[in-house]
PDB file of all heavy atoms in Angstrom:
ATOM      1  N   LEU A   1    -159.754 -54.608 -26.661  1.00  0.00           N
ATOM      2  CA  LEU A   1    -158.847 -55.676 -26.096  1.00  0.00           C
ATOM      3  C   LEU A   1    -157.796 -56.082 -27.021  1.00  0.00           C
ATOM      4  O   LEU A   1    -156.618 -56.395 -26.616  1.00  0.00           O
ATOM      5  CB  LEU A   1    -159.711 -56.795 -25.660  1.00  0.00           C
ATOM      6  CG  LEU A   1    -160.620 -56.698 -24.422  1.00  0.00           C
ATOM      7  CD1 LEU A   1    -161.431 -57.914 -24.156  1.00  0.00           C
ATOM      8  CD2 LEU A   1    -159.813 -56.346 -23.194  1.00  0.00           C
ATOM      9  N   PRO A   2    -157.990 -56.276 -28.366  1.00  0.00           N
ATOM     10  CA  PRO A   2    -156.903 -56.692 -29.238  1.00  0.00           C
ATOM     11  C   PRO A   2    -155.662 -55.804 -29.181  1.00  0.00           C
ATOM     12  O   PRO A   2    -154.549 -56.350 -29.195  1.00  0.00           O
ATOM     13  CB  PRO A   2    -157.522 -56.620 -30.694  1.00  0.00           C
ATOM     14  CG  PRO A   2    -158.987 -56.892 -30.342  1.00  0.00           C
ATOM     15  CD  PRO A   2    -159.315 -56.138 -29.033  1.00  0.00           C
ATOM     16  N   GLU A   3    -155.916 -54.490 -29.089  1.00  0.00           N
ATOM     17  CA  GLU A   3    -154.733 -53.575 -29.002  1.00  0.00           C
ATOM     18  C   GLU A   3    -153.905 -53.790 -27.708  1.00  0.00           C
ATOM     19  O   GLU A   3    -152.693 -53.856 -27.667  1.00  0.00           O
ATOM     20  CB  GLU A   3    -155.226 -52.143 -29.030  1.00  0.00           C
ATOM     21  CG  GLU A   3    -154.067 -51.116 -29.076  1.00  0.00           C
ATOM     22  CD  GLU A   3    -154.563 -49.699 -29.091  1.00  0.00           C
ATOM     23  OE1 GLU A   3    -155.762 -49.525 -29.445  1.00  0.00           O
ATOM     24  OE2 GLU A   3    -153.741 -48.757 -28.927  1.00  0.00           O
ATOM     25  N   ILE A   4    -154.679 -54.024 -26.580  1.00  0.00           N
ATOM     26  CA  ILE A   4    -153.985 -54.365 -25.366  1.00  0.00           C
ATOM     27  C   ILE A   4    -153.240 -55.680 -25.371  1.00  0.00           C
ATOM     28  O   ILE A   4    -152.125 -55.811 -24.952  1.00  0.00           O
ATOM     29  CB  ILE A   4    -155.092 -54.387 -24.138  1.00  0.00           C
ATOM     30  CG1 ILE A   4    -155.602 -52.935 -24.011  1.00  0.00           C
ATOM     31  CG2 ILE A   4    -154.437 -54.904 -22.852  1.00  0.00           C
ATOM     32  CD1 ILE A   4    -156.764 -52.879 -22.936  1.00  0.00           C
ATOM     33  N   ILE A   5    -153.842 -56.674 -25.999  1.00  0.00           N
ATOM     34  CA  ILE A   5    -153.236 -57.977 -26.160  1.00  0.00           C
ATOM     35  C   ILE A   5    -151.952 -57.895 -27.000  1.00  0.00           C
ATOM     36  O   ILE A   5    -150.937 -58.421 -26.591  1.00  0.00           O
ATOM     37  CB  ILE A   5    -154.195 -58.995 -26.791  1.00  0.00           C
ATOM     38  CG1 ILE A   5    -155.425 -59.288 -25.797  1.00  0.00           C
ATOM     39  CG2 ILE A   5    -153.529 -60.296 -27.247  1.00  0.00           C
ATOM     40  CD1 ILE A   5    -156.534 -60.038 -26.488  1.00  0.00           C
ATOM     41  N   ASP A   6    -152.004 -57.125 -28.131  1.00  0.00           N
ATOM     42  CA  ASP A   6    -150.829 -56.934 -28.939  1.00  0.00           C
ATOM     43  C   ASP A   6    -149.642 -56.312 -28.129  1.00  0.00           C
ATOM     44  O   ASP A   6    -148.513 -56.632 -28.279  1.00  0.00           O
ATOM     45  CB  ASP A   6    -151.200 -56.108 -30.147  1.00  0.00           C
ATOM     46  CG  ASP A   6    -152.091 -56.923 -31.146  1.00  0.00           C
ATOM     47  OD1 ASP A   6    -152.106 -58.103 -31.125  1.00  0.00           O
ATOM     48  OD2 ASP A   6    -152.709 -56.225 -32.074  1.00  0.00           O
ATOM     49  N   SER A   7    -150.124 -55.311 -27.355  1.00  0.00           N
ATOM     50  CA  SER A   7    -149.120 -54.615 -26.547  1.00  0.00           C
ATOM     51  C   SER A   7    -148.455 -55.538 -25.514  1.00  0.00           C
ATOM     52  O   SER A   7    -147.207 -55.561 -25.367  1.00  0.00           O
ATOM     53  CB  SER A   7    -149.752 -53.451 -25.749  1.00  0.00           C
ATOM     54  OG  SER A   7    -148.882 -52.826 -24.878  1.00  0.00           O
ATOM     55  N   ILE A   8    -149.211 -56.387 -24.822  1.00  0.00           N
ATOM     56  CA  ILE A   8    -148.710 -57.327 -23.878  1.00  0.00           C
ATOM     57  C   ILE A   8    -147.766 -58.375 -24.561  1.00  0.00           C
ATOM     58  O   ILE A   8    -146.639 -58.644 -24.145  1.00  0.00           O
ATOM     59  CB  ILE A   8    -149.798 -58.070 -23.090  1.00  0.00           C
ATOM     60  CG1 ILE A   8    -150.541 -57.037 -22.214  1.00  0.00           C
ATOM     61  CG2 ILE A   8    -149.193 -59.183 -22.183  1.00  0.00           C
ATOM     62  CD1 ILE A   8    -151.824 -57.631 -21.583  1.00  0.00           C
ATOM     63  N   VAL A   9    -148.216 -58.918 -25.763  1.00  0.00           N
ATOM     64  CA  VAL A   9    -147.413 -59.873 -26.471  1.00  0.00           C
ATOM     65  C   VAL A   9    -146.079 -59.308 -26.879  1.00  0.00           C
ATOM     66  O   VAL A   9    -145.088 -59.906 -26.797  1.00  0.00           O
ATOM     67  CB  VAL A   9    -148.238 -60.375 -27.698  1.00  0.00           C
ATOM     68  CG1 VAL A   9    -147.319 -61.161 -28.650  1.00  0.00           C
ATOM     69  CG2 VAL A   9    -149.396 -61.249 -27.214  1.00  0.00           C
ATOM     70  N   ALA A  10    -146.119 -58.015 -27.385  1.00  0.00           N
ATOM     71  CA  ALA A  10    -144.913 -57.336 -27.795  1.00  0.00           C
ATOM     72  C   ALA A  10    -143.978 -57.116 -26.652  1.00  0.00           C
ATOM     73  O   ALA A  10    -142.743 -57.392 -26.819  1.00  0.00           O
ATOM     74  CB  ALA A  10    -145.259 -55.998 -28.372  1.00  0.00           C
ATOM     75  N   THR A  11    -144.414 -56.862 -25.498  1.00  0.00           N
ATOM     76  CA  THR A  11    -143.616 -56.710 -24.325  1.00  0.00           C
ATOM     77  C   THR A  11    -142.985 -58.059 -23.866  1.00  0.00           C
ATOM     78  O   THR A  11    -141.780 -58.151 -23.486  1.00  0.00           O
ATOM     79  CB  THR A  11    -144.434 -56.137 -23.110  1.00  0.00           C
ATOM     80  OG1 THR A  11    -144.975 -54.942 -23.475  1.00  0.00           O
ATOM     81  CG2 THR A  11    -143.518 -55.879 -21.903  1.00  0.00           C
ATOM     82  N   CYS A  12    -143.755 -59.138 -24.025  1.00  0.00           N
ATOM     83  CA  CYS A  12    -143.228 -60.492 -23.651  1.00  0.00           C
ATOM     84  C   CYS A  12    -142.102 -60.879 -24.495  1.00  0.00           C
ATOM     85  O   CYS A  12    -141.316 -61.724 -24.172  1.00  0.00           O
ATOM     86  CB  CYS A  12    -144.392 -61.461 -23.715  1.00  0.00           C
ATOM     87  SG  CYS A  12    -145.655 -61.291 -22.478  1.00  0.00           S
ATOM     88  N   GLN A  13    -141.944 -60.326 -25.599  1.00  0.00           N
ATOM     89  CA  GLN A  13    -140.885 -60.688 -26.617  1.00  0.00           C
ATOM     90  C   GLN A  13    -139.679 -59.872 -26.420  1.00  0.00           C
ATOM     91  O   GLN A  13    -138.634 -59.979 -27.044  1.00  0.00           O
ATOM     92  CB  GLN A  13    -141.346 -60.568 -28.025  1.00  0.00           C
ATOM     93  CG  GLN A  13    -142.479 -61.585 -28.361  1.00  0.00           C
ATOM     94  CD  GLN A  13    -143.162 -61.245 -29.653  1.00  0.00           C
ATOM     95  OE1 GLN A  13    -143.021 -60.178 -30.199  1.00  0.00           O
ATOM     96  NE2 GLN A  13    -143.784 -62.269 -30.209  1.00  0.00           N
ATOM     97  N   LYS A  14    -139.662 -58.919 -25.306  1.00  0.00           N
ATOM     98  CA  LYS A  14    -138.456 -58.184 -25.060  1.00  0.00           C
ATOM     99  C   LYS A  14    -137.710 -58.728 -23.885  1.00  0.00           C
ATOM    100  O   LYS A  14    -138.274 -59.402 -23.040  1.00  0.00           O
ATOM    101  CB  LYS A  14    -138.929 -56.724 -24.717  1.00  0.00           C
ATOM    102  CG  LYS A  14    -139.593 -56.029 -25.878  1.00  0.00           C
ATOM    103  CD  LYS A  14    -140.008 -54.583 -25.485  1.00  0.00           C
ATOM    104  CE  LYS A  14    -140.644 -53.870 -26.688  1.00  0.00           C
ATOM    105  NZ  LYS A  14    -141.195 -52.532 -26.265  1.00  0.00           N
ATOM    106  N   GLU A  15    -136.428 -58.423 -23.761  1.00  0.00           N
ATOM    107  CA  GLU A  15    -135.581 -58.940 -22.736  1.00  0.00           C
ATOM    108  C   GLU A  15    -136.016 -58.412 -21.339  1.00  0.00           C
ATOM    109  O   GLU A  15    -135.706 -59.041 -20.293  1.00  0.00           O
ATOM    110  CB  GLU A  15    -134.151 -58.551 -22.970  1.00  0.00           C
ATOM    111  CG  GLU A  15    -133.538 -59.306 -24.075  1.00  0.00           C
ATOM    112  CD  GLU A  15    -132.000 -58.979 -24.290  1.00  0.00           C
ATOM    113  OE1 GLU A  15    -131.490 -58.157 -23.492  1.00  0.00           O
ATOM    114  OE2 GLU A  15    -131.442 -59.522 -25.288  1.00  0.00           O
ATOM    115  N   THR A  16    -136.687 -57.264 -21.252  1.00  0.00           N
ATOM    116  CA  THR A  16    -137.091 -56.634 -19.981  1.00  0.00           C
ATOM    117  C   THR A  16    -138.237 -57.445 -19.415  1.00  0.00           C
ATOM    118  O   THR A  16    -138.654 -57.178 -18.239  1.00  0.00           O
ATOM    119  CB  THR A  16    -137.475 -55.228 -20.209  1.00  0.00           C
ATOM    120  OG1 THR A  16    -138.483 -55.162 -21.297  1.00  0.00           O
ATOM    121  CG2 THR A  16    -136.317 -54.356 -20.544  1.00  0.00           C
ATOM    122  N   CYS A  17    -138.938 -58.300 -20.121  1.00  0.00           N
ATOM    123  CA  CYS A  17    -139.986 -59.101 -19.622  1.00  0.00           C
ATOM    124  C   CYS A  17    -139.455 -60.477 -19.088  1.00  0.00           C
ATOM    125  O   CYS A  17    -138.885 -61.287 -19.825  1.00  0.00           O
ATOM    126  CB  CYS A  17    -141.052 -59.389 -20.649  1.00  0.00           C
ATOM    127  SG  CYS A  17    -142.398 -60.454 -20.115  1.00  0.00           S
ATOM    128  N   LEU A  18    -139.594 -60.680 -17.790  1.00  0.00           N
ATOM    129  CA  LEU A  18    -139.293 -61.986 -17.287  1.00  0.00           C
ATOM    130  C   LEU A  18    -140.412 -62.983 -17.448  1.00  0.00           C
ATOM    131  O   LEU A  18    -141.508 -62.895 -16.965  1.00  0.00           O
ATOM    132  CB  LEU A  18    -138.972 -61.917 -15.765  1.00  0.00           C
ATOM    133  CG  LEU A  18    -137.862 -60.998 -15.386  1.00  0.00           C
ATOM    134  CD1 LEU A  18    -137.749 -60.886 -13.852  1.00  0.00           C
ATOM    135  CD2 LEU A  18    -136.608 -61.418 -16.006  1.00  0.00           C
ATOM    136  N   SER A  19    -140.163 -64.020 -18.390  1.00  0.00           N
ATOM    137  CA  SER A  19    -141.238 -64.908 -18.750  1.00  0.00           C
ATOM    138  C   SER A  19    -140.637 -66.258 -18.989  1.00  0.00           C
ATOM    139  O   SER A  19    -139.463 -66.501 -19.112  1.00  0.00           O
ATOM    140  CB  SER A  19    -141.917 -64.385 -20.042  1.00  0.00           C
ATOM    141  OG  SER A  19    -141.008 -64.451 -21.067  1.00  0.00           O
ATOM    142  N   HIS A  20    -141.566 -67.220 -19.049  1.00  0.00           N
ATOM    143  CA  HIS A  20    -141.220 -68.602 -19.514  1.00  0.00           C
ATOM    144  C   HIS A  20    -142.115 -68.980 -20.609  1.00  0.00           C
ATOM    145  O   HIS A  20    -143.181 -69.543 -20.488  1.00  0.00           O
ATOM    146  CB  HIS A  20    -141.342 -69.627 -18.311  1.00  0.00           C
ATOM    147  CG  HIS A  20    -141.028 -71.044 -18.740  1.00  0.00           C
ATOM    148  ND1 HIS A  20    -139.789 -71.424 -18.957  1.00  0.00           N
ATOM    149  CD2 HIS A  20    -141.933 -72.072 -19.028  1.00  0.00           C
ATOM    150  CE1 HIS A  20    -139.843 -72.686 -19.364  1.00  0.00           C
ATOM    151  NE2 HIS A  20    -141.070 -73.133 -19.405  1.00  0.00           N
ATOM    152  N   ILE A  21    -141.662 -68.578 -21.849  1.00  0.00           N
ATOM    153  CA  ILE A  21    -142.478 -68.807 -23.078  1.00  0.00           C
ATOM    154  C   ILE A  21    -141.767 -69.890 -23.778  1.00  0.00           C
ATOM    155  O   ILE A  21    -140.771 -69.576 -24.542  1.00  0.00           O
ATOM    156  CB  ILE A  21    -142.677 -67.526 -23.929  1.00  0.00           C
ATOM    157  CG1 ILE A  21    -143.412 -66.513 -22.958  1.00  0.00           C
ATOM    158  CG2 ILE A  21    -143.491 -67.814 -25.135  1.00  0.00           C
ATOM    159  CD1 ILE A  21    -143.460 -65.089 -23.573  1.00  0.00           C
ATOM    160  N   SER A  22    -142.132 -71.149 -23.677  1.00  0.00           N
ATOM    161  CA  SER A  22    -141.403 -72.248 -24.190  1.00  0.00           C
ATOM    162  C   SER A  22    -142.278 -73.429 -24.294  1.00  0.00           C
ATOM    163  O   SER A  22    -143.180 -73.578 -23.407  1.00  0.00           O
ATOM    164  CB  SER A  22    -140.156 -72.541 -23.267  1.00  0.00           C
ATOM    165  OG  SER A  22    -139.567 -73.778 -23.617  1.00  0.00           O
ATOM    166  N   PRO A  23    -142.047 -74.334 -25.268  1.00  0.00           N
ATOM    167  CA  PRO A  23    -142.895 -75.638 -25.286  1.00  0.00           C
ATOM    168  C   PRO A  23    -142.459 -76.552 -24.123  1.00  0.00           C
ATOM    169  O   PRO A  23    -143.097 -77.498 -23.867  1.00  0.00           O
ATOM    170  CB  PRO A  23    -142.468 -76.132 -26.656  1.00  0.00           C
ATOM    171  CG  PRO A  23    -141.169 -75.590 -27.024  1.00  0.00           C
ATOM    172  CD  PRO A  23    -141.129 -74.179 -26.395  1.00  0.00           C
ATOM    173  N   GLU A  24    -141.200 -76.266 -23.564  1.00  0.00           N
ATOM    174  CA  GLU A  24    -140.768 -77.098 -22.490  1.00  0.00           C
ATOM    175  C   GLU A  24    -141.519 -76.760 -21.174  1.00  0.00           C
ATOM    176  O   GLU A  24    -141.588 -75.555 -20.846  1.00  0.00           O
ATOM    177  CB  GLU A  24    -139.261 -77.076 -22.293  1.00  0.00           C
ATOM    178  CG  GLU A  24    -138.528 -77.477 -23.490  1.00  0.00           C
ATOM    179  CD  GLU A  24    -138.783 -78.985 -23.825  1.00  0.00           C
ATOM    180  OE1 GLU A  24    -139.038 -79.715 -22.814  1.00  0.00           O
ATOM    181  OE2 GLU A  24    -138.671 -79.355 -24.966  1.00  0.00           O
ATOM    182  N   LEU A  25    -141.942 -77.755 -20.403  1.00  0.00           N
ATOM    183  CA  LEU A  25    -142.682 -77.477 -19.138  1.00  0.00           C
ATOM    184  C   LEU A  25    -141.736 -77.027 -18.045  1.00  0.00           C
ATOM    185  O   LEU A  25    -140.604 -77.475 -17.957  1.00  0.00           O
ATOM    186  CB  LEU A  25    -143.457 -78.768 -18.721  1.00  0.00           C
ATOM    187  CG  LEU A  25    -144.598 -79.161 -19.573  1.00  0.00           C
ATOM    188  CD1 LEU A  25    -145.072 -80.544 -19.174  1.00  0.00           C
ATOM    189  CD2 LEU A  25    -145.683 -78.159 -19.643  1.00  0.00           C
ATOM    190  N   ILE A  26    -142.245 -76.108 -17.222  1.00  0.00           N
ATOM    191  CA  ILE A  26    -141.463 -75.674 -16.082  1.00  0.00           C
ATOM    192  C   ILE A  26    -142.080 -76.378 -14.828  1.00  0.00           C
ATOM    193  O   ILE A  26    -143.197 -76.897 -14.898  1.00  0.00           O
ATOM    194  CB  ILE A  26    -141.675 -74.144 -15.937  1.00  0.00           C
ATOM    195  CG1 ILE A  26    -140.649 -73.591 -15.003  1.00  0.00           C
ATOM    196  CG2 ILE A  26    -143.074 -73.749 -15.458  1.00  0.00           C
ATOM    197  CD1 ILE A  26    -140.590 -71.995 -15.020  1.00  0.00           C
ATOM    198  N   PRO A  27    -141.269 -76.557 -13.778  1.00  0.00           N
ATOM    199  CA  PRO A  27    -141.838 -77.218 -12.516  1.00  0.00           C
ATOM    200  C   PRO A  27    -143.099 -76.595 -12.075  1.00  0.00           C
ATOM    201  O   PRO A  27    -143.243 -75.347 -12.204  1.00  0.00           O
ATOM    202  CB  PRO A  27    -140.704 -77.086 -11.530  1.00  0.00           C
ATOM    203  CG  PRO A  27    -139.484 -76.954 -12.362  1.00  0.00           C
ATOM    204  CD  PRO A  27    -139.849 -76.214 -13.637  1.00  0.00           C
ATOM    205  N   SER A  28    -144.006 -77.340 -11.629  1.00  0.00           N
ATOM    206  CA  SER A  28    -145.387 -76.909 -11.249  1.00  0.00           C
ATOM    207  C   SER A  28    -145.429 -76.685  -9.681  1.00  0.00           C
ATOM    208  O   SER A  28    -145.103 -77.626  -8.941  1.00  0.00           O
ATOM    209  CB  SER A  28    -146.381 -77.891 -11.658  1.00  0.00           C
ATOM    210  OG  SER A  28    -147.642 -77.770 -10.917  1.00  0.00           O
ATOM    211  N   ARG A  29    -145.867 -75.503  -9.199  1.00  0.00           N
ATOM    212  CA  ARG A  29    -146.035 -75.239  -7.839  1.00  0.00           C
ATOM    213  C   ARG A  29    -147.198 -76.226  -7.248  1.00  0.00           C
ATOM    214  O   ARG A  29    -147.049 -76.676  -6.123  1.00  0.00           O
ATOM    215  CB  ARG A  29    -146.501 -73.807  -7.600  1.00  0.00           C
ATOM    216  CG  ARG A  29    -145.429 -72.842  -7.979  1.00  0.00           C
ATOM    217  CD  ARG A  29    -145.871 -71.414  -7.761  1.00  0.00           C
ATOM    218  NE  ARG A  29    -146.094 -71.039  -6.374  1.00  0.00           N
ATOM    219  CZ  ARG A  29    -146.648 -69.941  -5.889  1.00  0.00           C
ATOM    220  NH1 ARG A  29    -147.017 -69.056  -6.794  1.00  0.00           N
ATOM    221  NH2 ARG A  29    -146.689 -69.768  -4.590  1.00  0.00           N
ATOM    222  N   GLN A  30    -148.147 -76.471  -8.055  1.00  0.00           N
ATOM    223  CA  GLN A  30    -149.239 -77.393  -7.570  1.00  0.00           C
ATOM    224  C   GLN A  30    -148.662 -78.800  -7.385  1.00  0.00           C
ATOM    225  O   GLN A  30    -149.019 -79.420  -6.365  1.00  0.00           O
ATOM    226  CB  GLN A  30    -150.348 -77.376  -8.512  1.00  0.00           C
ATOM    227  CG  GLN A  30    -151.570 -78.231  -8.098  1.00  0.00           C
ATOM    228  CD  GLN A  30    -152.742 -78.101  -9.054  1.00  0.00           C
ATOM    229  OE1 GLN A  30    -152.755 -77.364  -9.983  1.00  0.00           O
ATOM    230  NE2 GLN A  30    -153.778 -78.957  -8.841  1.00  0.00           N
ATOM    231  N   ALA A  31    -147.823 -79.235  -8.298  1.00  0.00           N
ATOM    232  CA  ALA A  31    -147.193 -80.570  -8.192  1.00  0.00           C
ATOM    233  C   ALA A  31    -146.330 -80.604  -6.916  1.00  0.00           C
ATOM    234  O   ALA A  31    -146.304 -81.657  -6.257  1.00  0.00           O
ATOM    235  CB  ALA A  31    -146.548 -80.909  -9.501  1.00  0.00           C
ATOM    236  N   VAL A  32    -145.585 -79.523  -6.690  1.00  0.00           N
ATOM    237  CA  VAL A  32    -144.670 -79.478  -5.542  1.00  0.00           C
ATOM    238  C   VAL A  32    -145.475 -79.678  -4.255  1.00  0.00           C
ATOM    239  O   VAL A  32    -145.155 -80.355  -3.365  1.00  0.00           O
ATOM    240  CB  VAL A  32    -143.902 -78.163  -5.490  1.00  0.00           C
ATOM    241  CG1 VAL A  32    -143.174 -77.960  -4.185  1.00  0.00           C
ATOM    242  CG2 VAL A  32    -142.780 -78.270  -6.665  1.00  0.00           C
ATOM    243  N   ARG A  33    -146.574 -78.967  -4.135  1.00  0.00           N
ATOM    244  CA  ARG A  33    -147.483 -79.101  -2.856  1.00  0.00           C
ATOM    245  C   ARG A  33    -147.961 -80.493  -2.777  1.00  0.00           C
ATOM    246  O   ARG A  33    -148.055 -80.998  -1.676  1.00  0.00           O
ATOM    247  CB  ARG A  33    -148.630 -78.083  -2.975  1.00  0.00           C
ATOM    248  CG  ARG A  33    -148.176 -76.656  -2.802  1.00  0.00           C
ATOM    249  CD  ARG A  33    -149.392 -75.727  -2.528  1.00  0.00           C
ATOM    250  NE  ARG A  33    -150.288 -75.677  -3.699  1.00  0.00           N
ATOM    251  CZ  ARG A  33    -150.194 -74.725  -4.651  1.00  0.00           C
ATOM    252  NH1 ARG A  33    -149.254 -73.855  -4.597  1.00  0.00           N
ATOM    253  NH2 ARG A  33    -151.131 -74.658  -5.640  1.00  0.00           N
ATOM    254  N   GLU A  34    -148.332 -81.115  -3.944  1.00  0.00           N
ATOM    255  CA  GLU A  34    -148.854 -82.493  -3.859  1.00  0.00           C
ATOM    256  C   GLU A  34    -147.690 -83.464  -3.430  1.00  0.00           C
ATOM    257  O   GLU A  34    -147.898 -84.364  -2.641  1.00  0.00           O
ATOM    258  CB  GLU A  34    -149.443 -83.032  -5.246  1.00  0.00           C
ATOM    259  CG  GLU A  34    -150.003 -84.304  -5.183  1.00  0.00           C
ATOM    260  CD  GLU A  34    -150.644 -84.811  -6.444  1.00  0.00           C
ATOM    261  OE1 GLU A  34    -150.662 -83.981  -7.433  1.00  0.00           O
ATOM    262  OE2 GLU A  34    -151.045 -85.934  -6.546  1.00  0.00           O
ATOM    263  N   ILE A  35    -146.478 -83.228  -3.935  1.00  0.00           N
ATOM    264  CA  ILE A  35    -145.366 -84.102  -3.546  1.00  0.00           C
ATOM    265  C   ILE A  35    -145.101 -83.985  -2.020  1.00  0.00           C
ATOM    266  O   ILE A  35    -144.914 -84.933  -1.366  1.00  0.00           O
ATOM    267  CB  ILE A  35    -144.050 -83.592  -4.326  1.00  0.00           C
ATOM    268  CG1 ILE A  35    -144.138 -84.141  -5.747  1.00  0.00           C
ATOM    269  CG2 ILE A  35    -142.754 -84.182  -3.641  1.00  0.00           C
ATOM    270  CD1 ILE A  35    -143.097 -83.517  -6.662  1.00  0.00           C
ATOM    271  N   LEU A  36    -145.115 -82.725  -1.514  1.00  0.00           N
ATOM    272  CA  LEU A  36    -144.894 -82.530  -0.035  1.00  0.00           C
ATOM    273  C   LEU A  36    -145.980 -83.194   0.768  1.00  0.00           C
ATOM    274  O   LEU A  36    -145.771 -83.828   1.830  1.00  0.00           O
ATOM    275  CB  LEU A  36    -144.891 -81.082   0.225  1.00  0.00           C
ATOM    276  CG  LEU A  36    -143.604 -80.246  -0.242  1.00  0.00           C
ATOM    277  CD1 LEU A  36    -143.733 -78.804  -0.005  1.00  0.00           C
ATOM    278  CD2 LEU A  36    -142.346 -80.809   0.414  1.00  0.00           C
ATOM    279  N   SER A  37    -147.246 -83.111   0.336  1.00  0.00           N
ATOM    280  CA  SER A  37    -148.335 -83.778   1.054  1.00  0.00           C
ATOM    281  C   SER A  37    -148.159 -85.241   1.022  1.00  0.00           C
ATOM    282  O   SER A  37    -148.342 -85.870   2.131  1.00  0.00           O
ATOM    283  CB  SER A  37    -149.703 -83.420   0.306  1.00  0.00           C
ATOM    284  OG  SER A  37    -150.726 -84.142   0.951  1.00  0.00           O
ATOM    285  N   ARG A  38    -147.809 -85.854  -0.022  1.00  0.00           N
ATOM    286  CA  ARG A  38    -147.584 -87.286  -0.100  1.00  0.00           C
ATOM    287  C   ARG A  38    -146.372 -87.758   0.601  1.00  0.00           C
ATOM    288  O   ARG A  38    -146.300 -88.846   1.231  1.00  0.00           O
ATOM    289  CB  ARG A  38    -147.587 -87.735  -1.581  1.00  0.00           C
ATOM    290  CG  ARG A  38    -148.949 -87.618  -2.275  1.00  0.00           C
ATOM    291  CD  ARG A  38    -148.858 -88.129  -3.657  1.00  0.00           C
ATOM    292  NE  ARG A  38    -150.175 -88.027  -4.355  1.00  0.00           N
ATOM    293  CZ  ARG A  38    -151.086 -88.976  -4.279  1.00  0.00           C
ATOM    294  NH1 ARG A  38    -150.887 -89.980  -3.567  1.00  0.00           N
ATOM    295  NH2 ARG A  38    -152.273 -88.767  -4.896  1.00  0.00           N
ATOM    296  N   MET A  39    -145.318 -86.887   0.625  1.00  0.00           N
ATOM    297  CA  MET A  39    -144.128 -87.237   1.397  1.00  0.00           C
ATOM    298  C   MET A  39    -144.375 -87.245   2.853  1.00  0.00           C
ATOM    299  O   MET A  39    -143.898 -88.132   3.628  1.00  0.00           O
ATOM    300  CB  MET A  39    -142.942 -86.157   1.065  1.00  0.00           C
ATOM    301  CG  MET A  39    -142.232 -86.450  -0.188  1.00  0.00           C
ATOM    302  SD  MET A  39    -141.232 -87.978  -0.301  1.00  0.00           S
ATOM    303  CE  MET A  39    -139.953 -87.583   0.925  1.00  0.00           C
ATOM    304  N   ARG A  40    -145.231 -86.324   3.375  1.00  0.00           N
ATOM    305  CA  ARG A  40    -145.604 -86.236   4.807  1.00  0.00           C
ATOM    306  C   ARG A  40    -146.365 -87.554   5.168  1.00  0.00           C
ATOM    307  O   ARG A  40    -146.237 -88.064   6.240  1.00  0.00           O
ATOM    308  CB  ARG A  40    -146.396 -85.014   5.155  1.00  0.00           C
ATOM    309  CG  ARG A  40    -145.546 -83.776   5.061  1.00  0.00           C
ATOM    310  CD  ARG A  40    -146.477 -82.598   5.486  1.00  0.00           C
ATOM    311  NE  ARG A  40    -146.533 -82.527   6.966  1.00  0.00           N
ATOM    312  CZ  ARG A  40    -147.632 -81.974   7.625  1.00  0.00           C
ATOM    313  NH1 ARG A  40    -148.651 -81.481   6.938  1.00  0.00           N
ATOM    314  NH2 ARG A  40    -147.632 -81.925   8.893  1.00  0.00           N
TER     315      ARG A  40
END
């Protein structure tokens, strides 16, 4: 597993990997569903 993990981490650091690796939070799909439920 460590070798596989290193490979995935290395890929995540390339431009070809679409990722959100950041200390800043991204909007939450779960929170959006809760907002819609409460809005209804």
